[in-house]
Amino acid sequence: MIPFFVQIKCHLGRSYEVANQIADAEIASEIYSTAGDYDLLVKFYVDAGTDIGHFVNEKVQCFEGIRDTYTIITFKAF
């Protein structure tokens, strides 16, 4: 499994709604509320060979209330 993170910027007042939608979809490993430029930090795992760009486009950005995303691809855990 390959881990990666997505920072999510939500429309004003929709952060909890977006977090609940993602949790209900059971596609994320962890979901955190954050301060700063983005509202949520979400950790995902996908099978090796999965196109992360397509995954984010088709499985993450489709939720109502998301304004922007920023994907962080990881390489190695220490």
PDB file of N, CA and C in Angstrom:
ATOM      1  N   MET A   1       0.855  -1.185   0.000  1.00  0.00           N
ATOM      2  CA  MET A   1       0.000   0.000   0.000  1.00  0.00           C
ATOM      3  C   MET A   1       0.896   1.243   0.000  1.00  0.00           C
ATOM      4  N   ILE A   2       0.450   2.245  -0.718  1.00  0.00           N
ATOM      5  CA  ILE A   2       1.200   3.498  -0.835  1.00  0.00           C
ATOM      6  C   ILE A   2       0.436   4.600  -0.104  1.00  0.00           C
ATOM      7  N   PRO A   3       1.091   5.262   0.870  1.00  0.00           N
ATOM      8  CA  PRO A   3       0.415   6.352   1.572  1.00  0.00           C
ATOM      9  C   PRO A   3       0.629   7.687   0.861  1.00  0.00           C
ATOM     10  N   PHE A   4      -0.360   8.545   0.966  1.00  0.00           N
ATOM     11  CA  PHE A   4      -0.218   9.934   0.528  1.00  0.00           C
ATOM     12  C   PHE A   4      -1.222  10.777   1.300  1.00  0.00           C
ATOM     13  N   PHE A   5      -1.012  12.071   1.276  1.00  0.00           N
ATOM     14  CA  PHE A   5      -1.846  13.006   2.023  1.00  0.00           C
ATOM     15  C   PHE A   5      -2.491  13.998   1.071  1.00  0.00           C
ATOM     16  N   VAL A   6      -3.679  14.455   1.445  1.00  0.00           N
ATOM     17  CA  VAL A   6      -4.337  15.515   0.689  1.00  0.00           C
ATOM     18  C   VAL A   6      -4.778  16.595   1.672  1.00  0.00           C
ATOM     19  N   GLN A   7      -4.306  17.815   1.422  1.00  0.00           N
ATOM     20  CA  GLN A   7      -4.796  18.962   2.185  1.00  0.00           C
ATOM     21  C   GLN A   7      -6.029  19.461   1.448  1.00  0.00           C
ATOM     22  N   ILE A   8      -7.073  19.752   2.206  1.00  0.00           N
ATOM     23  CA  ILE A   8      -8.342  20.152   1.603  1.00  0.00           C
ATOM     24  C   ILE A   8      -8.772  21.511   2.138  1.00  0.00           C
ATOM     25  N   LYS A   9      -9.065  22.406   1.211  1.00  0.00           N
ATOM     26  CA  LYS A   9      -9.641  23.705   1.557  1.00  0.00           C
ATOM     27  C   LYS A   9     -11.133  23.607   1.286  1.00  0.00           C
ATOM     28  N   CYS A  10     -11.930  23.935   2.276  1.00  0.00           N
ATOM     29  CA  CYS A  10     -13.378  23.819   2.166  1.00  0.00           C
ATOM     30  C   CYS A  10     -14.018  25.194   1.989  1.00  0.00           C
ATOM     31  N   HIS A  11     -15.223  25.198   1.452  1.00  0.00           N
ATOM     32  CA  HIS A  11     -16.000  26.430   1.442  1.00  0.00           C
ATOM     33  C   HIS A  11     -16.284  26.808   2.897  1.00  0.00           C
ATOM     34  N   LEU A  12     -16.434  28.082   3.159  1.00  0.00           N
ATOM     35  CA  LEU A  12     -16.640  28.563   4.527  1.00  0.00           C
ATOM     36  C   LEU A  12     -17.790  27.831   5.205  1.00  0.00           C
ATOM     37  N   GLY A  13     -17.535  27.358   6.410  1.00  0.00           N
ATOM     38  CA  GLY A  13     -18.555  26.701   7.208  1.00  0.00           C
ATOM     39  C   GLY A  13     -18.855  25.263   6.823  1.00  0.00           C
ATOM     40  N   ARG A  14     -18.058  24.659   5.952  1.00  0.00           N
ATOM     41  CA  ARG A  14     -18.370  23.307   5.469  1.00  0.00           C
ATOM     42  C   ARG A  14     -17.336  22.256   5.873  1.00  0.00           C
ATOM     43  N   SER A  15     -16.342  22.622   6.683  1.00  0.00           N
ATOM     44  CA  SER A  15     -15.256  21.691   7.020  1.00  0.00           C
ATOM     45  C   SER A  15     -15.747  20.413   7.684  1.00  0.00           C
ATOM     46  N   TYR A  16     -16.629  20.535   8.657  1.00  0.00           N
ATOM     47  CA  TYR A  16     -17.115  19.350   9.362  1.00  0.00           C
ATOM     48  C   TYR A  16     -17.966  18.478   8.432  1.00  0.00           C
ATOM     49  N   GLU A  17     -18.736  19.112   7.588  1.00  0.00           N
ATOM     50  CA  GLU A  17     -19.560  18.378   6.621  1.00  0.00           C
ATOM     51  C   GLU A  17     -18.677  17.582   5.665  1.00  0.00           C
ATOM     52  N   VAL A  18     -17.626  18.224   5.147  1.00  0.00           N
ATOM     53  CA  VAL A  18     -16.711  17.537   4.232  1.00  0.00           C
ATOM     54  C   VAL A  18     -16.007  16.394   4.946  1.00  0.00           C
ATOM     55  N   ALA A  19     -15.515  16.640   6.150  1.00  0.00           N
ATOM     56  CA  ALA A  19     -14.833  15.588   6.920  1.00  0.00           C
ATOM     57  C   ALA A  19     -15.765  14.400   7.158  1.00  0.00           C
ATOM     58  N   ASN A  20     -17.014  14.666   7.480  1.00  0.00           N
ATOM     59  CA  ASN A  20     -17.974  13.583   7.706  1.00  0.00           C
ATOM     60  C   ASN A  20     -18.270  12.804   6.425  1.00  0.00           C
ATOM     61  N   GLN A  21     -18.355  13.501   5.297  1.00  0.00           N
ATOM     62  CA  GLN A  21     -18.582  12.812   4.023  1.00  0.00           C
ATOM     63  C   GLN A  21     -17.430  11.864   3.699  1.00  0.00           C
ATOM     64  N   ILE A  22     -16.204  12.339   3.920  1.00  0.00           N
ATOM     65  CA  ILE A  22     -15.029  11.505   3.650  1.00  0.00           C
ATOM     66  C   ILE A  22     -14.995  10.313   4.606  1.00  0.00           C
ATOM     67  N   ALA A  23     -15.294  10.557   5.873  1.00  0.00           N
ATOM     68  CA  ALA A  23     -15.320   9.469   6.855  1.00  0.00           C
ATOM     69  C   ALA A  23     -16.381   8.433   6.490  1.00  0.00           C
ATOM     70  N   ASP A  24     -17.546   8.893   6.099  1.00  0.00           N
ATOM     71  CA  ASP A  24     -18.641   7.981   5.730  1.00  0.00           C
ATOM     72  C   ASP A  24     -18.300   7.143   4.494  1.00  0.00           C
ATOM     73  N   ALA A  25     -17.493   7.698   3.595  1.00  0.00           N
ATOM     74  CA  ALA A  25     -17.113   6.978   2.378  1.00  0.00           C
ATOM     75  C   ALA A  25     -16.084   5.879   2.660  1.00  0.00           C
ATOM     76  N   GLU A  26     -15.473   5.921   3.841  1.00  0.00           N
ATOM     77  CA  GLU A  26     -14.481   4.924   4.269  1.00  0.00           C
ATOM     78  C   GLU A  26     -13.344   4.752   3.265  1.00  0.00           C
ATOM     79  N   ILE A  27     -12.839   5.871   2.747  1.00  0.00           N
ATOM     80  CA  ILE A  27     -11.716   5.827   1.804  1.00  0.00           C
ATOM     81  C   ILE A  27     -10.423   6.364   2.426  1.00  0.00           C
ATOM     82  N   ALA A  28     -10.529   6.972   3.604  1.00  0.00           N
ATOM     83  CA  ALA A  28      -9.378   7.606   4.238  1.00  0.00           C
ATOM     84  C   ALA A  28      -8.919   6.809   5.450  1.00  0.00           C
ATOM     85  N   SER A  29      -7.624   6.868   5.688  1.00  0.00           N
ATOM     86  CA  SER A  29      -7.045   6.243   6.867  1.00  0.00           C
ATOM     87  C   SER A  29      -7.209   7.141   8.089  1.00  0.00           C
ATOM     88  N   GLU A  30      -6.936   8.433   7.905  1.00  0.00           N
ATOM     89  CA  GLU A  30      -7.020   9.408   8.995  1.00  0.00           C
ATOM     90  C   GLU A  30      -7.491  10.747   8.436  1.00  0.00           C
ATOM     91  N   ILE A  31      -8.235  11.492   9.263  1.00  0.00           N
ATOM     92  CA  ILE A  31      -8.726  12.812   8.869  1.00  0.00           C
ATOM     93  C   ILE A  31      -8.456  13.767  10.024  1.00  0.00           C
ATOM     94  N   TYR A  32      -7.761  14.858   9.740  1.00  0.00           N
ATOM     95  CA  TYR A  32      -7.424  15.852  10.755  1.00  0.00           C
ATOM     96  C   TYR A  32      -7.942  17.222  10.358  1.00  0.00           C
ATOM     97  N   SER A  33      -8.405  17.977  11.320  1.00  0.00           N
ATOM     98  CA  SER A  33      -8.712  19.386  11.138  1.00  0.00           C
ATOM     99  C   SER A  33      -7.408  20.154  11.340  1.00  0.00           C
ATOM    100  N   THR A  34      -7.147  21.141  10.497  1.00  0.00           N
ATOM    101  CA  THR A  34      -5.897  21.892  10.599  1.00  0.00           C
ATOM    102  C   THR A  34      -6.161  23.392  10.579  1.00  0.00           C
ATOM    103  N   ALA A  35      -5.172  24.143  11.041  1.00  0.00           N
ATOM    104  CA  ALA A  35      -5.219  25.607  10.975  1.00  0.00           C
ATOM    105  C   ALA A  35      -4.277  26.040   9.856  1.00  0.00           C
ATOM    106  N   GLY A  36      -4.570  27.161   9.241  1.00  0.00           N
ATOM    107  CA  GLY A  36      -3.705  27.651   8.179  1.00  0.00           C
ATOM    108  C   GLY A  36      -4.437  27.759   6.866  1.00  0.00           C
ATOM    109  N   ASP A  37      -3.711  27.540   5.783  1.00  0.00           N
ATOM    110  CA  ASP A  37      -4.272  27.705   4.444  1.00  0.00           C
ATOM    111  C   ASP A  37      -5.304  26.648   4.082  1.00  0.00           C
ATOM    112  N   TYR A  38      -5.205  25.466   4.700  1.00  0.00           N
ATOM    113  CA  TYR A  38      -6.130  24.377   4.407  1.00  0.00           C
ATOM    114  C   TYR A  38      -6.877  23.984   5.674  1.00  0.00           C
ATOM    115  N   ASP A  39      -8.058  23.418   5.514  1.00  0.00           N
ATOM    116  CA  ASP A  39      -8.923  23.088   6.645  1.00  0.00           C
ATOM    117  C   ASP A  39      -8.769  21.656   7.133  1.00  0.00           C
ATOM    118  N   LEU A  40      -8.438  20.748   6.222  1.00  0.00           N
ATOM    119  CA  LEU A  40      -8.336  19.327   6.562  1.00  0.00           C
ATOM    120  C   LEU A  40      -7.048  18.748   6.006  1.00  0.00           C
ATOM    121  N   LEU A  41      -6.507  17.770   6.720  1.00  0.00           N
ATOM    122  CA  LEU A  41      -5.390  16.963   6.238  1.00  0.00           C
ATOM    123  C   LEU A  41      -5.859  15.523   6.300  1.00  0.00           C
ATOM    124  N   VAL A  42      -5.871  14.852   5.150  1.00  0.00           N
ATOM    125  CA  VAL A  42      -6.421  13.509   5.074  1.00  0.00           C
ATOM    126  C   VAL A  42      -5.348  12.557   4.546  1.00  0.00           C
ATOM    127  N   LYS A  43      -5.191  11.424   5.237  1.00  0.00           N
ATOM    128  CA  LYS A  43      -4.221  10.410   4.827  1.00  0.00           C
ATOM    129  C   LYS A  43      -4.958   9.273   4.136  1.00  0.00           C
ATOM    130  N   PHE A  44      -4.431   8.888   2.980  1.00  0.00           N
ATOM    131  CA  PHE A  44      -5.000   7.804   2.190  1.00  0.00           C
ATOM    132  C   PHE A  44      -3.938   6.747   1.939  1.00  0.00           C
ATOM    133  N   TYR A  45      -4.385   5.528   1.703  1.00  0.00           N
ATOM    134  CA  TYR A  45      -3.533   4.443   1.224  1.00  0.00           C
ATOM    135  C   TYR A  45      -4.165   3.886  -0.041  1.00  0.00           C
ATOM    136  N   VAL A  46      -3.343   3.662  -1.054  1.00  0.00           N
ATOM    137  CA  VAL A  46      -3.826   3.024  -2.283  1.00  0.00           C
ATOM    138  C   VAL A  46      -2.889   1.879  -2.646  1.00  0.00           C
ATOM    139  N   ASP A  47      -3.386   0.942  -3.419  1.00  0.00           N
ATOM    140  CA  ASP A  47      -2.557  -0.161  -3.892  1.00  0.00           C
ATOM    141  C   ASP A  47      -1.475   0.366  -4.820  1.00  0.00           C
ATOM    142  N   ALA A  48      -0.324  -0.304  -4.803  1.00  0.00           N
ATOM    143  CA  ALA A  48       0.755   0.056  -5.724  1.00  0.00           C
ATOM    144  C   ALA A  48       0.201  -0.032  -7.145  1.00  0.00           C
ATOM    145  N   GLY A  49       0.577   0.916  -7.959  1.00  0.00           N
ATOM    146  CA  GLY A  49       0.085   0.944  -9.331  1.00  0.00           C
ATOM    147  C   GLY A  49      -1.157   1.789  -9.520  1.00  0.00           C
ATOM    148  N   THR A  50      -1.806   2.184  -8.424  1.00  0.00           N
ATOM    149  CA  THR A  50      -2.979   3.055  -8.521  1.00  0.00           C
ATOM    150  C   THR A  50      -2.529   4.457  -8.917  1.00  0.00           C
ATOM    151  N   ASP A  51      -3.221   5.067  -9.840  1.00  0.00           N
ATOM    152  CA  ASP A  51      -2.926   6.439 -10.252  1.00  0.00           C
ATOM    153  C   ASP A  51      -3.491   7.383  -9.195  1.00  0.00           C
ATOM    154  N   ILE A  52      -2.607   8.004  -8.433  1.00  0.00           N
ATOM    155  CA  ILE A  52      -3.031   8.874  -7.326  1.00  0.00           C
ATOM    156  C   ILE A  52      -3.813  10.076  -7.848  1.00  0.00           C
ATOM    157  N   GLY A  53      -3.413  10.622  -8.974  1.00  0.00           N
ATOM    158  CA  GLY A  53      -4.132  11.758  -9.555  1.00  0.00           C
ATOM    159  C   GLY A  53      -5.574  11.415  -9.875  1.00  0.00           C
ATOM    160  N   HIS A  54      -5.786  10.254 -10.472  1.00  0.00           N
ATOM    161  CA  HIS A  54      -7.154   9.822 -10.768  1.00  0.00           C
ATOM    162  C   HIS A  54      -7.924   9.545  -9.494  1.00  0.00           C
ATOM    163  N   PHE A  55      -7.266   8.942  -8.493  1.00  0.00           N
ATOM    164  CA  PHE A  55      -7.926   8.660  -7.219  1.00  0.00           C
ATOM    165  C   PHE A  55      -8.434   9.957  -6.594  1.00  0.00           C
ATOM    166  N   VAL A  56      -7.563  10.969  -6.527  1.00  0.00           N
ATOM    167  CA  VAL A  56      -7.954  12.251  -5.918  1.00  0.00           C
ATOM    168  C   VAL A  56      -9.082  12.887  -6.722  1.00  0.00           C
ATOM    169  N   ASN A  57      -8.953  12.878  -8.027  1.00  0.00           N
ATOM    170  CA  ASN A  57      -9.968  13.482  -8.889  1.00  0.00           C
ATOM    171  C   ASN A  57     -11.326  12.785  -8.768  1.00  0.00           C
ATOM    172  N   GLU A  58     -11.319  11.467  -8.761  1.00  0.00           N
ATOM    173  CA  GLU A  58     -12.569  10.710  -8.802  1.00  0.00           C
ATOM    174  C   GLU A  58     -13.155  10.384  -7.436  1.00  0.00           C
ATOM    175  N   LYS A  59     -12.304  10.254  -6.406  1.00  0.00           N
ATOM    176  CA  LYS A  59     -12.791   9.805  -5.093  1.00  0.00           C
ATOM    177  C   LYS A  59     -12.784  10.887  -4.020  1.00  0.00           C
ATOM    178  N   VAL A  60     -11.984  11.946  -4.219  1.00  0.00           N
ATOM    179  CA  VAL A  60     -11.861  12.978  -3.172  1.00  0.00           C
ATOM    180  C   VAL A  60     -12.507  14.294  -3.596  1.00  0.00           C
ATOM    181  N   GLN A  61     -12.153  14.802  -4.748  1.00  0.00           N
ATOM    182  CA  GLN A  61     -12.624  16.124  -5.156  1.00  0.00           C
ATOM    183  C   GLN A  61     -14.113  16.164  -5.473  1.00  0.00           C
ATOM    184  N   CYS A  62     -14.769  15.039  -5.470  1.00  0.00           N
ATOM    185  CA  CYS A  62     -16.193  14.976  -5.807  1.00  0.00           C
ATOM    186  C   CYS A  62     -17.106  15.358  -4.640  1.00  0.00           C
ATOM    187  N   PHE A  63     -16.584  15.503  -3.429  1.00  0.00           N
ATOM    188  CA  PHE A  63     -17.433  15.802  -2.279  1.00  0.00           C
ATOM    189  C   PHE A  63     -17.884  17.264  -2.291  1.00  0.00           C
ATOM    190  N   GLU A  64     -19.155  17.460  -1.972  1.00  0.00           N
ATOM    191  CA  GLU A  64     -19.711  18.811  -1.876  1.00  0.00           C
ATOM    192  C   GLU A  64     -18.991  19.585  -0.779  1.00  0.00           C
ATOM    193  N   GLY A  65     -18.639  20.819  -1.060  1.00  0.00           N
ATOM    194  CA  GLY A  65     -18.037  21.681  -0.052  1.00  0.00           C
ATOM    195  C   GLY A  65     -16.534  21.822  -0.166  1.00  0.00           C
ATOM    196  N   ILE A  66     -15.907  21.056  -1.065  1.00  0.00           N
ATOM    197  CA  ILE A  66     -14.459  21.181  -1.266  1.00  0.00           C
ATOM    198  C   ILE A  66     -14.190  22.294  -2.264  1.00  0.00           C
ATOM    199  N   ARG A  67     -13.295  23.187  -1.883  1.00  0.00           N
ATOM    200  CA  ARG A  67     -12.933  24.323  -2.734  1.00  0.00           C
ATOM    201  C   ARG A  67     -11.614  24.093  -3.472  1.00  0.00           C
ATOM    202  N   ASP A  68     -10.661  23.401  -2.799  1.00  0.00           N
ATOM    203  CA  ASP A  68      -9.334  23.210  -3.382  1.00  0.00           C
ATOM    204  C   ASP A  68      -8.664  22.036  -2.680  1.00  0.00           C
ATOM    205  N   THR A  69      -7.740  21.385  -3.376  1.00  0.00           N
ATOM    206  CA  THR A  69      -6.958  20.317  -2.757  1.00  0.00           C
ATOM    207  C   THR A  69      -5.488  20.492  -3.107  1.00  0.00           C
ATOM    208  N   TYR A  70      -4.642  19.928  -2.254  1.00  0.00           N
ATOM    209  CA  TYR A  70      -3.196  19.938  -2.467  1.00  0.00           C
ATOM    210  C   TYR A  70      -2.694  18.558  -2.063  1.00  0.00           C
ATOM    211  N   THR A  71      -2.202  17.797  -3.030  1.00  0.00           N
ATOM    212  CA  THR A  71      -1.788  16.421  -2.785  1.00  0.00           C
ATOM    213  C   THR A  71      -0.309  16.366  -2.440  1.00  0.00           C
ATOM    214  N   ILE A  72       0.008  15.617  -1.385  1.00  0.00           N
ATOM    215  CA  ILE A  72       1.391  15.415  -0.950  1.00  0.00           C
ATOM    216  C   ILE A  72       1.704  13.935  -1.099  1.00  0.00           C
ATOM    217  N   ILE A  73       2.612  13.628  -2.011  1.00  0.00           N
ATOM    218  CA  ILE A  73       3.015  12.244  -2.237  1.00  0.00           C
ATOM    219  C   ILE A  73       4.244  11.967  -1.379  1.00  0.00           C
ATOM    220  N   THR A  74       4.224  10.855  -0.678  1.00  0.00           N
ATOM    221  CA  THR A  74       5.320  10.507   0.218  1.00  0.00           C
ATOM    222  C   THR A  74       6.202   9.437  -0.427  1.00  0.00           C
ATOM    223  N   PHE A  75       7.459   9.371   0.024  1.00  0.00           N
ATOM    224  CA  PHE A  75       8.409   8.441  -0.564  1.00  0.00           C
ATOM    225  C   PHE A  75       8.904   7.374   0.390  1.00  0.00           C
ATOM    226  N   LYS A  76       9.175   7.726   1.634  1.00  0.00           N
ATOM    227  CA  LYS A  76       9.767   6.766   2.560  1.00  0.00           C
ATOM    228  C   LYS A  76       9.441   7.169   3.995  1.00  0.00           C
ATOM    229  N   ALA A  77       9.102   6.183   4.802  1.00  0.00           N
ATOM    230  CA  ALA A  77       8.856   6.443   6.228  1.00  0.00           C
ATOM    231  C   ALA A  77      10.147   6.197   6.991  1.00  0.00           C
ATOM    232  N   PHE A  78      10.406   7.015   7.993  1.00  0.00           N
ATOM    233  CA  PHE A  78      11.624   6.856   8.804  1.00  0.00           C
ATOM    234  C   PHE A  78      11.237   6.487  10.227  1.00  0.00           C
TER     235      PHE A  78
END
